[in-house]
Each structure stands twice: as structure tokens, then as C-alpha cells.
């Protein structure tokens, strides 16, 4: 069964850090770009970061560049999102997904409509 499972969310104070994990099963990360998305209450889903499977190219939204780092461990079939210097506006449910439309190994376009096999999400709350 194709599945992505997120973990690592929680409550953290502003300026703190969290590391999210996205564990894949039923398929290998070798052939798919993996994206991280987030959705806050009342807001549209936003593409946060992506890592390609072709050459490891990464993408970051402007709002997180310099603070978030995406990486993957092929041996564990897992993608990580290290989030540092967290801000209250980072509060959202974070989802990972694999690209299933078009160039499946690429992060050239990080739009939710091109991704599938969505995980259940993990809540990140940044608050003092």
C-alpha cells in the first residue's frame, strides 16, 4: 500500500526548532520528488519545500528560506524537514506528498495539484 506518514509536530515557542519526518512505504523515494505543504486555518495550502529525486535539488518558499532545511535518507525511505527559528505564522498542519503528475522526480513546480499520496498531516503550533 502506497503511504506517507508524517510525524514530529508539536508545540514550540517562537525561535524554537522542530524536525518533521515523512516516512514512505509501498514505493521508493528514488523515483519521486517529495514535497512538504502546510495549511493554516482559513488559509490556502502552501508549498513549503521540495526535494527532487533526480539530483537532490531543493525548493523553499520565500517565507521559510534560510530557516527550513529539507533532506532525505534513502536507506530509511524518509524525508525530513528541519525547521529552525520558528515563528507564530509557521503554525499549520504540515503534510508531505509525492509528485504524481508530470515530471515525477522534479521540484520545478511545487503545486498541490501535482502531488498525491498525501499523508494525514502533523500539527505544528508556534506559540509562547
Foldseek 3Di string as FASTA:
>chain_A
DWAWAKDWADEAAQQAKIKMKIFTPPDFLLQAKKWKWWDDPPDDIGTAKIFFNPPRDMDGDPVQPPFWDWDDDRVRSMIMIIGGRDDQVVWTWMKMWIFDPDRGRDVPDRDPVRTDNIHPTDTHGYHD
